[in-house]
Protein backbone atom coordinates (compact mmCIF):
# COMPACT_ATOMS: atom_id res chain seq x y z
CA MET A 1 27.63 44.43 -47.79
CA VAL A 2 29.91 41.47 -47.97
CA ASP A 3 31.80 42.90 -44.99
CA GLY A 4 28.52 43.24 -43.07
CA ARG A 5 27.69 39.59 -43.63
CA GLN A 6 31.11 38.48 -42.55
CA SER A 7 30.87 40.47 -39.30
CA ASN A 8 27.43 38.94 -38.57
CA THR A 9 28.64 35.37 -39.08
CA PRO A 10 30.65 35.18 -35.82
CA ALA A 11 27.72 36.71 -33.93
CA ARG A 12 25.38 34.12 -35.47
CA ARG A 13 27.79 31.36 -34.50
CA THR A 14 27.93 32.61 -30.90
CA ASN A 15 24.14 32.81 -30.73
CA TYR A 16 23.96 29.34 -32.23
CA SER A 17 26.49 28.03 -29.71
CA TYR A 18 24.61 29.69 -26.87
CA ILE A 19 21.33 28.17 -28.02
CA GLU A 20 22.99 24.77 -28.39
CA GLU A 21 24.38 25.02 -24.84
CA GLN A 22 20.94 25.92 -23.51
CA ASN A 23 19.43 23.01 -25.39
CA GLU A 24 22.05 20.65 -23.96
CA GLU A 25 21.42 21.91 -20.41
CA ARG A 26 17.67 21.57 -20.82
CA THR A 27 18.09 18.13 -22.34
CA GLU A 28 20.20 17.03 -19.38
CA LEU A 29 17.65 18.49 -16.95
CA LEU A 30 14.83 16.70 -18.79
CA ASN A 31 16.84 13.47 -18.76
CA SER A 32 17.34 13.86 -15.01
CA LYS A 33 13.60 14.38 -14.46
CA VAL A 34 12.77 11.37 -16.62
CA ASN A 35 15.18 9.22 -14.59
CA GLN A 36 13.57 10.44 -11.37
CA LEU A 37 10.12 9.59 -12.72
CA LYS A 38 11.35 6.17 -13.82
CA HIS A 39 12.78 5.49 -10.37
CA LEU A 40 9.52 6.63 -8.77
CA ALA A 41 7.49 4.40 -11.10
CA VAL A 42 9.66 1.40 -10.19
CA GLN A 43 9.16 2.12 -6.49
CA ILE A 44 5.40 2.41 -7.00
CA GLY A 45 5.40 -0.92 -8.84
CA GLU A 46 7.33 -2.64 -6.05
CA GLU A 47 5.03 -1.18 -3.39
CA THR A 48 1.99 -2.26 -5.39
CA LYS A 49 3.30 -5.84 -5.59
CA PHE A 50 3.96 -5.84 -1.84
CA GLN A 51 0.50 -4.46 -1.05
CA ASN A 52 -1.19 -6.98 -3.36
CA LYS A 53 0.67 -9.81 -1.64
CA TYR A 54 -0.33 -8.44 1.76
CA LEU A 55 -3.98 -8.11 0.69
CA LYS A 56 -4.00 -11.69 -0.62
CA GLU A 57 -2.65 -12.96 2.71
CA LEU A 58 -5.21 -10.85 4.57
CA HIS A 59 -7.99 -12.21 2.36
CA ASP A 60 -6.86 -15.80 3.02
CA ASN A 61 -6.73 -15.16 6.77
CA MET A 62 -10.19 -13.60 6.72
CA ASP A 63 -11.58 -16.61 4.82
CA HIS A 64 -10.05 -18.95 7.39
CA THR A 65 -11.46 -16.88 10.28
CA ASP A 66 -14.85 -16.75 8.59
CA SER A 67 -14.94 -20.55 8.33
CA LEU A 68 -13.95 -20.90 12.01
CA VAL A 69 -16.66 -18.46 13.10
CA GLY A 70 -19.19 -20.29 10.91
CA GLN A 71 -18.30 -23.60 12.55
CA ALA A 72 -18.59 -22.08 16.02
CA ARG A 73 -21.95 -20.52 15.12
CA ARG A 74 -23.27 -23.87 13.88
CA ARG A 75 -22.22 -25.50 17.13
CA VAL A 76 -23.97 -22.81 19.17
CA VAL A 77 -27.11 -23.22 17.05
CA LEU A 78 -27.00 -26.99 17.62
CA LEU A 79 -26.54 -26.36 21.32
CA ALA A 80 -29.51 -24.00 21.36
CA ARG A 81 -31.69 -26.51 19.51
CA SER A 82 -30.91 -29.22 22.03
CA GLY A 83 -33.07 -27.28 24.49
CA SER A 84 -31.04 -28.17 27.56
CA TRP A 85 -31.31 -25.37 30.10
CA LYS A 86 -28.42 -26.83 32.11
CA ILE A 87 -25.97 -26.08 29.29
CA TYR A 88 -27.06 -22.43 29.24
CA LEU A 89 -26.65 -22.26 33.01
CA TYR A 90 -23.16 -23.77 32.84
CA LEU A 91 -22.22 -21.39 30.03
CA LEU A 92 -23.49 -18.40 31.99
CA LEU A 93 -21.64 -19.48 35.16
CA PHE A 94 -18.45 -20.09 33.20
CA ALA A 95 -18.62 -16.64 31.60
CA LEU A 96 -19.28 -15.04 34.99
CA PHE A 97 -16.32 -16.91 36.48
CA ILE A 98 -14.02 -15.75 33.69
CA PHE A 99 -15.13 -12.13 34.10
CA LEU A 100 -14.54 -12.29 37.86
CA VAL A 101 -11.06 -13.77 37.39
CA ILE A 102 -10.16 -11.07 34.88
CA TYR A 103 -11.61 -8.39 37.18
CA PHE A 104 -9.50 -9.54 40.16
CA LEU A 105 -6.38 -9.89 38.00
CA ILE A 106 -6.72 -6.36 36.70
CA LYS A 107 -7.53 -4.90 40.11
C-alpha cells in the first residue's frame, strides 16, 4: 500500500499543477475583463461629464432665448394695446414685402 500511495503522489501533483494553471489562466482572463470594465466605466464617466456640461450650456441658452422672446412678446402686447391701426398696416406691408423678396430670391 505504501507503494500505491507513492505512485499516486506524482499524479496528484500533476492534477494539482493542472488545476493551478487553469486557475491562473482564469484569473488572468477575469483580470482582463475587469480592466475592460474599468476602462468602459471611465469612458462612461467622461461622456457623462461632457453631456452634463452640454446640457447646462443648452439650458443657459434656452433661458436667454426665453427672456428675449418674453421681451418681444411684451413689446407686441404694448403695441397691440396702443390701438393704432397704422402700425398693424405697416407691419403687414413689411411682412408681405419680406415674403416677396424671399420669393423672388429663391425663384
